């Protein structure tokens, strides 16, 4: 998980007390179909964090995934990124941070 400085609550480790905190979950179709993404999204919502989801990662990180994920991030005015999944998803996240 990549957080912007100052968003996490040091006592609980959770994001709280922010009225407009939002994130983009970068993932793949498998994690979405298994319900993992929905469970994470629900937990984040319970902590006042809204989530946008980009689940288009399918193989090795490609420029298309990075550009599409970045568009979701920017369109939803998100504060941080969260990667959920395996290798390709985890490798896509750092590339998003460079743009």
C-alpha atoms as a PDB file:
ATOM      1  CA  UNK A   1       0.000   0.000   0.000  1.00  0.00           C
ATOM      2  CA  UNK A   2       1.255   3.465  -0.822  1.00  0.00           C
ATOM      3  CA  UNK A   3      -0.089   6.212   1.417  1.00  0.00           C
ATOM      4  CA  UNK A   4       0.305   9.917   1.192  1.00  0.00           C
ATOM      5  CA  UNK A   5       2.137  11.250   4.225  1.00  0.00           C
ATOM      6  CA  UNK A   6      -0.124  12.146   7.125  1.00  0.00           C
ATOM      7  CA  UNK A   7      -3.180  10.066   6.262  1.00  0.00           C
ATOM      8  CA  UNK A   8      -2.660   7.080   8.530  1.00  0.00           C
ATOM      9  CA  UNK A   9      -3.699   7.064  12.165  1.00  0.00           C
ATOM     10  CA  UNK A  10      -0.620   6.061  14.207  1.00  0.00           C
ATOM     11  CA  UNK A  11      -2.748   4.580  17.027  1.00  0.00           C
ATOM     12  CA  UNK A  12      -4.894   2.273  14.895  1.00  0.00           C
ATOM     13  CA  UNK A  13      -2.902   2.002  11.694  1.00  0.00           C
ATOM     14  CA  UNK A  14      -6.151   2.745   9.864  1.00  0.00           C
ATOM     15  CA  UNK A  15      -7.125   5.689   7.781  1.00  0.00           C
ATOM     16  CA  UNK A  16      -9.530   7.725   9.807  1.00  0.00           C
ATOM     17  CA  UNK A  17     -10.651  11.207  10.575  1.00  0.00           C
ATOM     18  CA  UNK A  18     -10.420  12.274   6.953  1.00  0.00           C
ATOM     19  CA  UNK A  19     -13.747  13.134   5.338  1.00  0.00           C
ATOM     20  CA  UNK A  20     -12.537  12.910   1.750  1.00  0.00           C
ATOM     21  CA  UNK A  21     -10.008  10.084   1.693  1.00  0.00           C
ATOM     22  CA  UNK A  22     -10.191   7.988  -1.451  1.00  0.00           C
ATOM     23  CA  UNK A  23      -8.034   5.304  -2.989  1.00  0.00           C
ATOM     24  CA  UNK A  24      -7.621   3.383  -6.201  1.00  0.00           C
ATOM     25  CA  UNK A  25      -7.376  -0.386  -5.878  1.00  0.00           C
ATOM     26  CA  UNK A  26      -5.172  -1.803  -8.647  1.00  0.00           C
ATOM     27  CA  UNK A  27      -5.991  -5.471  -9.198  1.00  0.00           C
ATOM     28  CA  UNK A  28      -6.921  -8.177 -11.701  1.00  0.00           C
ATOM     29  CA  UNK A  29     -10.111 -10.010 -12.636  1.00  0.00           C
ATOM     30  CA  UNK A  30      -9.266 -13.057 -10.491  1.00  0.00           C
ATOM     31  CA  UNK A  31      -9.076 -11.089  -7.242  1.00  0.00           C
ATOM     32  CA  UNK A  32     -12.302  -9.313  -8.180  1.00  0.00           C
ATOM     33  CA  UNK A  33     -14.144 -12.574  -8.928  1.00  0.00           C
ATOM     34  CA  UNK A  34     -12.905 -14.188  -5.698  1.00  0.00           C
ATOM     35  CA  UNK A  35     -14.455 -11.346  -3.681  1.00  0.00           C
ATOM     36  CA  UNK A  36     -11.152 -10.200  -2.223  1.00  0.00           C
ATOM     37  CA  UNK A  37     -11.491  -6.698  -3.652  1.00  0.00           C
ATOM     38  CA  UNK A  38     -15.066  -6.318  -2.379  1.00  0.00           C
ATOM     39  CA  UNK A  39     -13.993  -7.351   1.127  1.00  0.00           C
ATOM     40  CA  UNK A  40     -11.172  -4.798   1.133  1.00  0.00           C
ATOM     41  CA  UNK A  41     -13.453  -2.111  -0.288  1.00  0.00           C
ATOM     42  CA  UNK A  42     -16.030  -2.811   2.438  1.00  0.00           C
ATOM     43  CA  UNK A  43     -13.409  -2.542   5.194  1.00  0.00           C
ATOM     44  CA  UNK A  44     -12.128   0.713   3.760  1.00  0.00           C
ATOM     45  CA  UNK A  45     -15.679   2.109   3.542  1.00  0.00           C
ATOM     46  CA  UNK A  46     -16.190   1.289   7.225  1.00  0.00           C
ATOM     47  CA  UNK A  47     -13.193   3.563   7.859  1.00  0.00           C
ATOM     48  CA  UNK A  48     -14.540   6.429   5.715  1.00  0.00           C
ATOM     49  CA  UNK A  49     -12.345   5.626   2.725  1.00  0.00           C
ATOM     50  CA  UNK A  50     -13.968   5.509  -0.698  1.00  0.00           C
ATOM     51  CA  UNK A  51     -12.479   3.231  -3.352  1.00  0.00           C
ATOM     52  CA  UNK A  52     -12.226   3.315  -7.118  1.00  0.00           C
ATOM     53  CA  UNK A  53     -11.242   0.023  -8.724  1.00  0.00           C
ATOM     54  CA  UNK A  54      -9.052  -0.687 -11.730  1.00  0.00           C
ATOM     55  CA  UNK A  55      -9.102  -4.449 -12.368  1.00  0.00           C
ATOM     56  CA  UNK A  56      -7.582  -4.498 -15.841  1.00  0.00           C
ATOM     57  CA  UNK A  57      -4.170  -5.942 -14.970  1.00  0.00           C
ATOM     58  CA  UNK A  58      -3.889  -9.258 -16.813  1.00  0.00           C
ATOM     59  CA  UNK A  59      -0.207 -10.069 -17.337  1.00  0.00           C
ATOM     60  CA  UNK A  60       3.195  -8.442 -17.055  1.00  0.00           C
ATOM     61  CA  UNK A  61       2.909  -4.693 -16.460  1.00  0.00           C
ATOM     62  CA  UNK A  62       2.268  -2.840 -19.669  1.00  0.00           C
ATOM     63  CA  UNK A  63       2.087   0.861 -20.390  1.00  0.00           C
ATOM     64  CA  UNK A  64      -1.653   0.428 -21.072  1.00  0.00           C
ATOM     65  CA  UNK A  65      -2.291  -0.830 -17.520  1.00  0.00           C
ATOM     66  CA  UNK A  66      -0.328   2.028 -16.053  1.00  0.00           C
ATOM     67  CA  UNK A  67      -2.129   4.645 -18.146  1.00  0.00           C
ATOM     68  CA  UNK A  68      -5.580   3.146 -17.463  1.00  0.00           C
ATOM     69  CA  UNK A  69      -4.906   2.801 -13.728  1.00  0.00           C
ATOM     70  CA  UNK A  70      -3.578   6.344 -13.568  1.00  0.00           C
ATOM     71  CA  UNK A  71      -6.731   7.609 -15.310  1.00  0.00           C
ATOM     72  CA  UNK A  72      -8.935   5.917 -12.669  1.00  0.00           C
ATOM     73  CA  UNK A  73      -6.749   7.401  -9.922  1.00  0.00           C
ATOM     74  CA  UNK A  74      -6.937  10.933 -11.326  1.00  0.00           C
ATOM     75  CA  UNK A  75     -10.603  10.805 -12.409  1.00  0.00           C
ATOM     76  CA  UNK A  76     -11.608   9.835  -8.859  1.00  0.00           C
ATOM     77  CA  UNK A  77      -9.269  12.346  -7.171  1.00  0.00           C
ATOM     78  CA  UNK A  78      -7.719   9.607  -5.050  1.00  0.00           C
ATOM     79  CA  UNK A  79      -5.288  10.053  -2.187  1.00  0.00           C
ATOM     80  CA  UNK A  80      -3.466   6.731  -2.376  1.00  0.00           C
ATOM     81  CA  UNK A  81      -3.009   3.510  -4.344  1.00  0.00           C
ATOM     82  CA  UNK A  82      -3.500  -0.039  -3.118  1.00  0.00           C
ATOM     83  CA  UNK A  83      -2.351  -3.127  -5.040  1.00  0.00           C
ATOM     84  CA  UNK A  84      -4.245  -6.398  -4.523  1.00  0.00           C
ATOM     85  CA  UNK A  85      -3.051  -9.509  -6.297  1.00  0.00           C
ATOM     86  CA  UNK A  86       0.002 -11.227  -7.635  1.00  0.00           C
ATOM     87  CA  UNK A  87       3.143 -10.289  -9.472  1.00  0.00           C
ATOM     88  CA  UNK A  88       1.799  -8.237 -12.379  1.00  0.00           C
ATOM     89  CA  UNK A  89      -0.435  -6.185 -10.111  1.00  0.00           C
ATOM     90  CA  UNK A  90       2.338  -5.561  -7.607  1.00  0.00           C
ATOM     91  CA  UNK A  91       4.724  -4.580 -10.393  1.00  0.00           C
ATOM     92  CA  UNK A  92       2.184  -2.193 -11.935  1.00  0.00           C
ATOM     93  CA  UNK A  93       1.765  -0.132  -8.747  1.00  0.00           C
ATOM     94  CA  UNK A  94       5.292   1.349  -8.593  1.00  0.00           C
ATOM     95  CA  UNK A  95       5.061   2.283 -12.244  1.00  0.00           C
ATOM     96  CA  UNK A  96       1.885   4.278 -11.494  1.00  0.00           C
ATOM     97  CA  UNK A  97       3.756   6.224  -8.834  1.00  0.00           C
ATOM     98  CA  UNK A  98       6.348   7.391 -11.391  1.00  0.00           C
ATOM     99  CA  UNK A  99       3.765   9.200 -13.556  1.00  0.00           C
END
